């Protein structure tokens, strides 16, 4: 027959084992979350670098377009011929 003190001791061990399991699961989850956060940070930095590169390319294209427009306007401007 199990004495009540033995039953309490057995119950306490089971509860402690359950807490350890929960703690291990929480630790594993924390490691997983940290890994996910690191991956997200890497992706963010990569996207930010790509956005900066794209912005620079867009600025270069805008400048080139402006230069071409100015050249076209200069060549299309009516040339005045002076007659004497």
PDB file of N, CA and C in Angstrom:
ATOM      1  N   UNK A   1       0.843  -1.171   0.000  1.00  0.00           N
ATOM      2  CA  UNK A   1       0.000   0.000   0.000  1.00  0.00           C
ATOM      3  C   UNK A   1       0.893   1.241   0.000  1.00  0.00           C
ATOM      4  N   UNK A   2       0.504   2.248  -0.753  1.00  0.00           N
ATOM      5  CA  UNK A   2       1.281   3.467  -0.880  1.00  0.00           C
ATOM      6  C   UNK A   2       0.871   4.418   0.215  1.00  0.00           C
ATOM      7  N   UNK A   3       1.849   4.894   0.925  1.00  0.00           N
ATOM      8  CA  UNK A   3       1.557   5.874   1.972  1.00  0.00           C
ATOM      9  C   UNK A   3       1.327   7.223   1.334  1.00  0.00           C
ATOM     10  N   UNK A   4       0.638   8.104   2.036  1.00  0.00           N
ATOM     11  CA  UNK A   4       0.321   9.409   1.472  1.00  0.00           C
ATOM     12  C   UNK A   4       1.589  10.226   1.238  1.00  0.00           C
ATOM     13  N   UNK A   5       2.605  10.071   2.064  1.00  0.00           N
ATOM     14  CA  UNK A   5       3.846  10.819   1.858  1.00  0.00           C
ATOM     15  C   UNK A   5       4.557  10.331   0.591  1.00  0.00           C
ATOM     16  N   UNK A   6       4.475   8.996   0.351  1.00  0.00           N
ATOM     17  CA  UNK A   6       5.064   8.470  -0.883  1.00  0.00           C
ATOM     18  C   UNK A   6       4.291   8.964  -2.088  1.00  0.00           C
ATOM     19  N   UNK A   7       2.974   9.042  -1.965  1.00  0.00           N
ATOM     20  CA  UNK A   7       2.126   9.519  -3.051  1.00  0.00           C
ATOM     21  C   UNK A   7       2.434  10.993  -3.348  1.00  0.00           C
ATOM     22  N   UNK A   8       2.604  11.784  -2.305  1.00  0.00           N
ATOM     23  CA  UNK A   8       2.936  13.200  -2.495  1.00  0.00           C
ATOM     24  C   UNK A   8       4.301  13.339  -3.150  1.00  0.00           C
ATOM     25  N   UNK A   9       5.237  12.503  -2.726  1.00  0.00           N
ATOM     26  CA  UNK A   9       6.580  12.554  -3.292  1.00  0.00           C
ATOM     27  C   UNK A   9       6.536  12.181  -4.781  1.00  0.00           C
ATOM     28  N   UNK A  10       5.791  11.150  -5.115  1.00  0.00           N
ATOM     29  CA  UNK A  10       5.647  10.709  -6.505  1.00  0.00           C
ATOM     30  C   UNK A  10       4.970  11.795  -7.332  1.00  0.00           C
ATOM     31  N   UNK A  11       3.965  12.419  -6.773  1.00  0.00           N
ATOM     32  CA  UNK A  11       3.256  13.496  -7.463  1.00  0.00           C
ATOM     33  C   UNK A  11       4.178  14.688  -7.686  1.00  0.00           C
ATOM     34  N   UNK A  12       4.990  15.006  -6.692  1.00  0.00           N
ATOM     35  CA  UNK A  12       5.927  16.122  -6.814  1.00  0.00           C
ATOM     36  C   UNK A  12       6.962  15.828  -7.894  1.00  0.00           C
ATOM     37  N   UNK A  13       7.421  14.596  -7.995  1.00  0.00           N
ATOM     38  CA  UNK A  13       8.394  14.236  -9.032  1.00  0.00           C
ATOM     39  C   UNK A  13       7.765  14.362 -10.416  1.00  0.00           C
ATOM     40  N   UNK A  14       6.539  13.907 -10.542  1.00  0.00           N
ATOM     41  CA  UNK A  14       5.845  14.005 -11.824  1.00  0.00           C
ATOM     42  C   UNK A  14       5.667  15.461 -12.210  1.00  0.00           C
ATOM     43  N   UNK A  15       5.286  16.274 -11.255  1.00  0.00           N
ATOM     44  CA  UNK A  15       5.102  17.700 -11.514  1.00  0.00           C
ATOM     45  C   UNK A  15       6.428  18.349 -11.900  1.00  0.00           C
ATOM     46  N   UNK A  16       7.501  17.987 -11.210  1.00  0.00           N
ATOM     47  CA  UNK A  16       8.817  18.536 -11.524  1.00  0.00           C
ATOM     48  C   UNK A  16       9.253  18.106 -12.921  1.00  0.00           C
ATOM     49  N   UNK A  17       8.985  16.867 -13.276  1.00  0.00           N
ATOM     50  CA  UNK A  17       9.337  16.390 -14.615  1.00  0.00           C
ATOM     51  C   UNK A  17       8.555  17.159 -15.665  1.00  0.00           C
ATOM     52  N   UNK A  18       7.284  17.429 -15.374  1.00  0.00           N
ATOM     53  CA  UNK A  18       6.462  18.219 -16.297  1.00  0.00           C
ATOM     54  C   UNK A  18       6.997  19.628 -16.453  1.00  0.00           C
ATOM     55  N   UNK A  19       7.448  20.213 -15.349  1.00  0.00           N
ATOM     56  CA  UNK A  19       8.015  21.568 -15.396  1.00  0.00           C
ATOM     57  C   UNK A  19       9.311  21.566 -16.207  1.00  0.00           C
ATOM     58  N   UNK A  20      10.122  20.516 -16.011  1.00  0.00           N
ATOM     59  CA  UNK A  20      11.360  20.418 -16.789  1.00  0.00           C
ATOM     60  C   UNK A  20      11.062  20.297 -18.269  1.00  0.00           C
ATOM     61  N   UNK A  21      10.054  19.518 -18.606  1.00  0.00           N
ATOM     62  CA  UNK A  21       9.664  19.361 -19.997  1.00  0.00           C
ATOM     63  C   UNK A  21       9.206  20.706 -20.566  1.00  0.00           C
ATOM     64  N   UNK A  22       8.389  21.429 -19.793  1.00  0.00           N
ATOM     65  CA  UNK A  22       7.940  22.734 -20.250  1.00  0.00           C
ATOM     66  C   UNK A  22       9.125  23.692 -20.402  1.00  0.00           C
ATOM     67  N   UNK A  23      10.050  23.634 -19.455  1.00  0.00           N
ATOM     68  CA  UNK A  23      11.234  24.495 -19.517  1.00  0.00           C
ATOM     69  C   UNK A  23      12.067  24.149 -20.739  1.00  0.00           C
ATOM     70  N   UNK A  24      12.249  22.875 -21.019  1.00  0.00           N
ATOM     71  CA  UNK A  24      13.016  22.460 -22.196  1.00  0.00           C
ATOM     72  C   UNK A  24      12.322  22.918 -23.476  1.00  0.00           C
ATOM     73  N   UNK A  25      11.004  22.784 -23.503  1.00  0.00           N
ATOM     74  CA  UNK A  25      10.249  23.235 -24.678  1.00  0.00           C
ATOM     75  C   UNK A  25      10.363  24.745 -24.845  1.00  0.00           C
ATOM     76  N   UNK A  26      10.302  25.467 -23.732  1.00  0.00           N
ATOM     77  CA  UNK A  26      10.427  26.928 -23.785  1.00  0.00           C
ATOM     78  C   UNK A  26      11.814  27.327 -24.269  1.00  0.00           C
ATOM     79  N   UNK A  27      12.826  26.620 -23.801  1.00  0.00           N
ATOM     80  CA  UNK A  27      14.198  26.912 -24.242  1.00  0.00           C
ATOM     81  C   UNK A  27      14.346  26.642 -25.736  1.00  0.00           C
ATOM     82  N   UNK A  28      13.797  25.530 -26.189  1.00  0.00           N
ATOM     83  CA  UNK A  28      13.873  25.195 -27.614  1.00  0.00           C
ATOM     84  C   UNK A  28      13.130  26.234 -28.441  1.00  0.00           C
ATOM     85  N   UNK A  29      11.985  26.666 -27.943  1.00  0.00           N
ATOM     86  CA  UNK A  29      11.212  27.683 -28.647  1.00  0.00           C
ATOM     87  C   UNK A  29      11.982  29.004 -28.692  1.00  0.00           C
ATOM     88  N   UNK A  30      12.636  29.354 -27.612  1.00  0.00           N
ATOM     89  CA  UNK A  30      13.426  30.588 -27.570  1.00  0.00           C
ATOM     90  C   UNK A  30      14.570  30.526 -28.573  1.00  0.00           C
ATOM     91  N   UNK A  31      15.227  29.378 -28.676  1.00  0.00           N
ATOM     92  CA  UNK A  31      16.309  29.213 -29.651  1.00  0.00           C
ATOM     93  C   UNK A  31      15.765  29.355 -31.067  1.00  0.00           C
ATOM     94  N   UNK A  32      14.612  28.755 -31.307  1.00  0.00           N
ATOM     95  CA  UNK A  32      13.986  28.838 -32.630  1.00  0.00           C
ATOM     96  C   UNK A  32      13.596  30.281 -32.970  1.00  0.00           C
ATOM     97  N   UNK A  33      13.051  30.990 -32.006  1.00  0.00           N
ATOM     98  CA  UNK A  33      12.657  32.387 -32.219  1.00  0.00           C
ATOM     99  C   UNK A  33      13.890  33.248 -32.502  1.00  0.00           C
ATOM    100  N   UNK A  34      14.964  33.014 -31.758  1.00  0.00           N
ATOM    101  CA  UNK A  34      16.203  33.766 -32.004  1.00  0.00           C
ATOM    102  C   UNK A  34      16.733  33.500 -33.404  1.00  0.00           C
ATOM    103  N   UNK A  35      16.673  32.249 -33.843  1.00  0.00           N
ATOM    104  CA  UNK A  35      17.138  31.905 -35.198  1.00  0.00           C
ATOM    105  C   UNK A  35      16.255  32.585 -36.242  1.00  0.00           C
ATOM    106  N   UNK A  36      14.945  32.570 -36.012  1.00  0.00           N
ATOM    107  CA  UNK A  36      14.019  33.241 -36.934  1.00  0.00           C
ATOM    108  C   UNK A  36      14.292  34.741 -36.982  1.00  0.00           C
ATOM    109  N   UNK A  37      14.522  35.329 -35.825  1.00  0.00           N
ATOM    110  CA  UNK A  37      14.820  36.764 -35.768  1.00  0.00           C
ATOM    111  C   UNK A  37      16.106  37.097 -36.519  1.00  0.00           C
ATOM    112  N   UNK A  38      17.114  36.256 -36.367  1.00  0.00           N
ATOM    113  CA  UNK A  38      18.378  36.481 -37.073  1.00  0.00           C
ATOM    114  C   UNK A  38      18.172  36.380 -38.582  1.00  0.00           C
ATOM    115  N   UNK A  39      17.389  35.412 -39.011  1.00  0.00           N
ATOM    116  CA  UNK A  39      17.102  35.262 -40.446  1.00  0.00           C
ATOM    117  C   UNK A  39      16.323  36.463 -40.965  1.00  0.00           C
ATOM    118  N   UNK A  40      15.370  36.945 -40.186  1.00  0.00           N
ATOM    119  CA  UNK A  40      14.607  38.122 -40.587  1.00  0.00           C
ATOM    120  C   UNK A  40      15.491  39.357 -40.662  1.00  0.00           C
ATOM    121  N   UNK A  41      16.404  39.498 -39.730  1.00  0.00           N
ATOM    122  CA  UNK A  41      17.329  40.638 -39.736  1.00  0.00           C
ATOM    123  C   UNK A  41      18.210  40.593 -40.978  1.00  0.00           C
ATOM    124  N   UNK A  42      18.700  39.400 -41.317  1.00  0.00           N
ATOM    125  CA  UNK A  42      19.515  39.251 -42.530  1.00  0.00           C
ATOM    126  C   UNK A  42      18.702  39.619 -43.772  1.00  0.00           C
ATOM    127  N   UNK A  43      17.468  39.138 -43.829  1.00  0.00           N
ATOM    128  CA  UNK A  43      16.609  39.439 -44.973  1.00  0.00           C
ATOM    129  C   UNK A  43      16.320  40.933 -45.052  1.00  0.00           C
ATOM    130  N   UNK A  44      16.101  41.564 -43.906  1.00  0.00           N
ATOM    131  CA  UNK A  44      15.846  43.011 -43.873  1.00  0.00           C
ATOM    132  C   UNK A  44      17.049  43.789 -44.392  1.00  0.00           C
ATOM    133  N   UNK A  45      18.234  43.416 -43.926  1.00  0.00           N
ATOM    134  CA  UNK A  45      19.444  44.120 -44.365  1.00  0.00           C
ATOM    135  C   UNK A  45      19.677  43.920 -45.853  1.00  0.00           C
ATOM    136  N   UNK A  46      19.412  42.727 -46.342  1.00  0.00           N
ATOM    137  CA  UNK A  46      19.567  42.453 -47.768  1.00  0.00           C
ATOM    138  C   UNK A  46      18.567  43.274 -48.584  1.00  0.00           C
ATOM    139  N   UNK A  47      17.334  43.332 -48.119  1.00  0.00           N
ATOM    140  CA  UNK A  47      16.316  44.115 -48.818  1.00  0.00           C
ATOM    141  C   UNK A  47      16.644  45.598 -48.793  1.00  0.00           C
ATOM    142  N   UNK A  48      17.165  46.067 -47.680  1.00  0.00           N
ATOM    143  CA  UNK A  48      17.544  47.470 -47.559  1.00  0.00           C
ATOM    144  C   UNK A  48      18.682  47.805 -48.528  1.00  0.00           C
ATOM    145  N   UNK A  49      19.665  46.931 -48.623  1.00  0.00           N
ATOM    146  CA  UNK A  49      20.778  47.144 -49.546  1.00  0.00           C
ATOM    147  C   UNK A  49      20.285  47.131 -50.988  1.00  0.00           C
ATOM    148  N   UNK A  50      19.374  46.222 -51.296  1.00  0.00           N
ATOM    149  CA  UNK A  50      18.818  46.156 -52.649  1.00  0.00           C
ATOM    150  C   UNK A  50      18.014  47.413 -52.955  1.00  0.00           C
ATOM    151  N   UNK A  51      17.272  47.908 -51.992  1.00  0.00           N
ATOM    152  CA  UNK A  51      16.488  49.136 -52.190  1.00  0.00           C
ATOM    153  C   UNK A  51      17.407  50.326 -52.444  1.00  0.00           C
ATOM    154  N   UNK A  52      18.499  50.408 -51.720  1.00  0.00           N
ATOM    155  CA  UNK A  52      19.453  51.495 -51.935  1.00  0.00           C
ATOM    156  C   UNK A  52      20.066  51.415 -53.333  1.00  0.00           C
ATOM    157  N   UNK A  53      20.400  50.200 -53.745  1.00  0.00           N
ATOM    158  CA  UNK A  53      20.969  50.004 -55.079  1.00  0.00           C
ATOM    159  C   UNK A  53      19.950  50.395 -56.153  1.00  0.00           C
ATOM    160  N   UNK A  54      18.714  49.978 -55.977  1.00  0.00           N
ATOM    161  CA  UNK A  54      17.663  50.303 -56.942  1.00  0.00           C
ATOM    162  C   UNK A  54      17.416  51.803 -56.993  1.00  0.00           C
ATOM    163  N   UNK A  55      17.434  52.455 -55.846  1.00  0.00           N
ATOM    164  CA  UNK A  55      17.249  53.904 -55.795  1.00  0.00           C
ATOM    165  C   UNK A  55      18.366  54.612 -56.538  1.00  0.00           C
ATOM    166  N   UNK A  56      19.579  54.166 -56.345  1.00  0.00           N
ATOM    167  CA  UNK A  56      20.721  54.767 -57.037  1.00  0.00           C
ATOM    168  C   UNK A  56      20.589  54.580 -58.547  1.00  0.00           C
ATOM    169  N   UNK A  57      20.198  53.389 -58.967  1.00  0.00           N
ATOM    170  CA  UNK A  57      20.004  53.140 -60.399  1.00  0.00           C
ATOM    171  C   UNK A  57      18.897  54.022 -60.960  1.00  0.00           C
ATOM    172  N   UNK A  58      17.816  54.189 -60.219  1.00  0.00           N
ATOM    173  CA  UNK A  58      16.716  55.045 -60.671  1.00  0.00           C
ATOM    174  C   UNK A  58      17.179  56.491 -60.794  1.00  0.00           C
ATOM    175  N   UNK A  59      17.975  56.948 -59.844  1.00  0.00           N
ATOM    176  CA  UNK A  59      18.505  58.315 -59.911  1.00  0.00           C
ATOM    177  C   UNK A  59      19.412  58.487 -61.127  1.00  0.00           C
ATOM    178  N   UNK A  60      20.233  57.499 -61.406  1.00  0.00           N
ATOM    179  CA  UNK A  60      21.107  57.564 -62.577  1.00  0.00           C
ATOM    180  C   UNK A  60      20.288  57.599 -63.866  1.00  0.00           C
ATOM    181  N   UNK A  61      19.251  56.778 -63.922  1.00  0.00           N
ATOM    182  CA  UNK A  61      18.393  56.766 -65.115  1.00  0.00           C
ATOM    183  C   UNK A  61      17.664  58.091 -65.272  1.00  0.00           C
ATOM    184  N   UNK A  62      17.209  58.658 -64.177  1.00  0.00           N
ATOM    185  CA  UNK A  62      16.526  59.950 -64.232  1.00  0.00           C
ATOM    186  C   UNK A  62      17.482  61.024 -64.730  1.00  0.00           C
ATOM    187  N   UNK A  63      18.712  61.006 -64.270  1.00  0.00           N
ATOM    188  CA  UNK A  63      19.703  61.987 -64.720  1.00  0.00           C
ATOM    189  C   UNK A  63      20.013  61.801 -66.199  1.00  0.00           C
ATOM    190  N   UNK A  64      20.171  60.558 -66.628  1.00  0.00           N
ATOM    191  CA  UNK A  64      20.444  60.283 -68.037  1.00  0.00           C
ATOM    192  C   UNK A  64      19.277  60.736 -68.910  1.00  0.00           C
ATOM    193  N   UNK A  65      18.060  60.497 -68.447  1.00  0.00           N
ATOM    194  CA  UNK A  65      16.874  60.938 -69.186  1.00  0.00           C
ATOM    195  C   UNK A  65      16.842  62.452 -69.281  1.00  0.00           C
ATOM    196  N   UNK A  66      17.139  63.115 -68.205  1.00  0.00           N
ATOM    197  CA  UNK A  66      17.170  64.582 -68.202  1.00  0.00           C
ATOM    198  C   UNK A  66      18.227  65.097 -69.182  1.00  0.00           C
ATOM    199  N   UNK A  67      19.386  64.473 -69.187  1.00  0.00           N
ATOM    200  CA  UNK A  67      20.451  64.878 -70.109  1.00  0.00           C
ATOM    201  C   UNK A  67      20.012  64.721 -71.563  1.00  0.00           C
ATOM    202  N   UNK A  68      19.369  63.598 -71.870  1.00  0.00           N
ATOM    203  CA  UNK A  68      18.901  63.357 -73.238  1.00  0.00           C
ATOM    204  C   UNK A  68      17.835  64.381 -73.623  1.00  0.00           C
ATOM    205  N   UNK A  69      16.913  64.670 -72.724  1.00  0.00           N
ATOM    206  CA  UNK A  69      15.880  65.663 -73.014  1.00  0.00           C
ATOM    207  C   UNK A  69      16.489  67.033 -73.293  1.00  0.00           C
ATOM    208  N   UNK A  70      17.462  67.404 -72.510  1.00  0.00           N
ATOM    209  CA  UNK A  70      18.124  68.691 -72.725  1.00  0.00           C
ATOM    210  C   UNK A  70      18.816  68.734 -74.081  1.00  0.00           C
ATOM    211  N   UNK A  71      19.466  67.634 -74.457  1.00  0.00           N
ATOM    212  CA  UNK A  71      20.127  67.577 -75.760  1.00  0.00           C
ATOM    213  C   UNK A  71      19.106  67.667 -76.888  1.00  0.00           C
ATOM    214  N   UNK A  72      17.998  66.971 -76.737  1.00  0.00           N
ATOM    215  CA  UNK A  72      16.949  67.028 -77.763  1.00  0.00           C
ATOM    216  C   UNK A  72      16.382  68.433 -77.897  1.00  0.00           C
ATOM    217  N   UNK A  73      16.168  69.079 -76.768  1.00  0.00           N
ATOM    218  CA  UNK A  73      15.642  70.444 -76.813  1.00  0.00           C
ATOM    219  C   UNK A  73      16.631  71.380 -77.499  1.00  0.00           C
ATOM    220  N   UNK A  74      17.904  71.185 -77.263  1.00  0.00           N
ATOM    221  CA  UNK A  74      18.909  72.024 -77.899  1.00  0.00           C
ATOM    222  C   UNK A  74      18.951  71.797 -79.404  1.00  0.00           C
ATOM    223  N   UNK A  75      18.814  70.559 -79.835  1.00  0.00           N
ATOM    224  CA  UNK A  75      18.884  70.274 -81.267  1.00  0.00           C
ATOM    225  C   UNK A  75      17.596  70.653 -81.983  1.00  0.00           C
ATOM    226  N   UNK A  76      16.488  70.666 -81.286  1.00  0.00           N
ATOM    227  CA  UNK A  76      15.209  71.018 -81.898  1.00  0.00           C
ATOM    228  C   UNK A  76      14.914  72.502 -81.819  1.00  0.00           C
ATOM    229  N   UNK A  77      15.665  73.218 -81.060  1.00  0.00           N
ATOM    230  CA  UNK A  77      15.425  74.655 -80.935  1.00  0.00           C
ATOM    231  C   UNK A  77      15.639  75.303 -82.306  1.00  0.00           C
ATOM    232  N   UNK A  78      14.747  76.194 -82.670  1.00  0.00           N
ATOM    233  CA  UNK A  78      14.896  76.825 -84.003  1.00  0.00           C
ATOM    234  C   UNK A  78      16.199  77.581 -84.074  1.00  0.00           C
ATOM    235  N   UNK A  79      16.905  77.340 -85.132  1.00  0.00           N
ATOM    236  CA  UNK A  79      18.165  78.029 -85.347  1.00  0.00           C
ATOM    237  C   UNK A  79      17.894  79.279 -86.159  1.00  0.00           C
ATOM    238  N   UNK A  80      18.342  80.336 -85.663  1.00  0.00           N
ATOM    239  CA  UNK A  80      18.144  81.583 -86.388  1.00  0.00           C
ATOM    240  C   UNK A  80      19.324  81.813 -87.326  1.00  0.00           C
ATOM    241  N   UNK A  81      18.967  82.053 -88.511  1.00  0.00           N
ATOM    242  CA  UNK A  81      20.002  82.363 -89.483  1.00  0.00           C
ATOM    243  C   UNK A  81      19.963  83.857 -89.731  1.00  0.00           C
ATOM    244  N   UNK A  82      21.055  84.440 -89.569  1.00  0.00           N
ATOM    245  CA  UNK A  82      21.147  85.889 -89.764  1.00  0.00           C
ATOM    246  C   UNK A  82      21.440  86.184 -91.226  1.00  0.00           C
ATOM    247  N   UNK A  83      20.598  86.967 -91.773  1.00  0.00           N
ATOM    248  CA  UNK A  83      20.825  87.366 -93.151  1.00  0.00           C
ATOM    249  C   UNK A  83      21.341  88.793 -93.165  1.00  0.00           C
ATOM    250  N   UNK A  84      22.195  89.034 -94.012  1.00  0.00           N
ATOM    251  CA  UNK A  84      22.716  90.386 -94.155  1.00  0.00           C
ATOM    252  C   UNK A  84      22.164  91.060 -95.358  1.00  0.00           C
TER     253      UNK A  84
END
